[in-house]
Protein backbone atom coordinates (compact mmCIF):
# COMPACT_ATOMS: atom_id res chain seq x y z
CA MET A 1 0.00 0.00 0.00
CA LEU A 2 2.77 2.49 0.88
CA ARG A 3 5.18 1.14 -1.71
CA TRP A 4 4.81 4.30 -3.81
CA LEU A 5 6.52 6.29 -1.01
CA CYS A 6 9.79 4.35 -1.45
CA TRP A 7 10.86 6.50 -4.40
CA TRP A 8 10.56 9.73 -2.39
CA ARG A 9 13.57 11.32 -0.68
CA PRO A 10 14.14 14.72 0.95
CA PRO A 11 14.79 17.39 -1.71
CA SER A 12 18.37 18.11 -0.63
CA LEU A 13 19.48 14.47 -0.28
CA LEU A 14 22.01 13.33 -2.91
CA ARG A 15 22.57 16.92 -4.05
CA ARG A 16 25.54 19.24 -3.64
CA VAL A 17 25.11 21.46 -0.58
CA THR A 18 27.06 24.05 1.36
CA VAL A 19 26.80 23.60 5.12
CA ASN A 20 27.09 26.79 7.17
CA PHE A 21 27.88 26.41 10.87
CA ARG A 22 26.48 28.15 13.94
CA HIS A 23 29.90 28.77 15.49
CA SER A 24 31.61 30.36 12.46
CA GLU A 25 30.31 32.61 9.71
CA SER A 26 33.53 32.50 7.66
CA GLU A 27 33.89 28.69 7.49
CA ALA A 28 31.71 26.14 5.69
CA ILE A 29 31.84 22.69 4.10
CA GLU A 30 30.65 21.94 0.59
CA GLY A 31 29.81 18.39 -0.50
CA VAL A 32 27.13 15.89 -1.49
CA LEU A 33 24.56 15.28 1.24
CA TRP A 34 24.71 11.49 1.22
CA GLN A 35 22.64 10.46 4.24
CA GLN A 36 20.86 11.71 7.29
CA ARG A 37 21.28 9.35 10.27
CA GLY A 38 19.46 10.51 13.36
CA MET A 39 21.26 13.60 14.61
CA TRP A 40 24.05 13.41 11.97
CA PHE A 41 24.39 14.58 8.38
CA ILE A 42 26.82 12.56 6.23
CA LEU A 43 28.55 14.30 3.33
CA ARG A 44 30.83 12.87 0.64
CA ASP A 45 33.25 14.51 -1.81
CA CYS A 46 33.78 17.45 0.56
CA HIS A 47 35.72 20.70 0.33
CA ALA A 48 36.49 23.00 3.26
CA LEU A 49 35.56 26.60 2.50
CA LYS A 50 37.01 29.60 4.29
CA ALA A 51 36.53 33.25 3.40
CA GLY A 52 39.46 34.53 1.34
CA HIS A 53 41.07 31.09 0.79
CA VAL A 54 41.04 28.47 -1.95
CA PRO A 55 38.65 25.53 -1.25
CA LEU A 56 40.58 22.54 0.17
CA LYS A 57 39.69 18.94 -0.68
CA MET A 58 39.02 16.98 2.52
CA ASP A 59 40.67 13.56 2.87
CA PRO A 60 38.06 11.39 4.61
CA HIS A 61 35.64 9.40 2.47
CA GLU A 62 32.71 10.65 4.56
CA VAL A 63 32.33 13.68 6.80
CA HIS A 64 29.88 13.39 9.71
CA ILE A 65 28.39 16.67 10.91
CA PRO A 66 26.20 16.92 14.04
CA ARG A 67 22.84 18.52 13.30
CA ALA A 68 23.23 20.83 16.33
CA ASN A 69 26.24 22.56 14.68
CA VAL A 70 24.43 23.38 11.41
CA ALA A 71 22.97 26.87 10.99
CA TYR A 72 21.58 26.23 7.49
CA PHE A 73 22.14 24.47 4.14
CA GLN A 74 22.52 26.07 0.76
CA VAL A 75 21.40 23.60 -1.94
CA ALA A 76 22.93 23.91 -5.40
CA PRO A 77 20.42 23.95 -8.29
C-alpha cells in the first residue's frame, strides 16, 4: 500500500550542498549530502571553504556533521 513512497527522498538528499555552521560565519563545508542518520548529516566529496582562501579537498571518504552545529544548508540547483 505504501510502496509508492519508497521513491521519495528529501529534496536536498544526494545533491551538492554548502553547510554553514552556527559557530563560524567565515567557514563552511561543501559536498554531497549522502545520508541523514538521526542527529548526523553525512557528506561525501567534501571541500572545506574559508573566506578569502582556496577551497581545500578533505581527505576522509565521509564527513559526519552533528545537526546541532548546522545553521543552514545552501542547496545547489
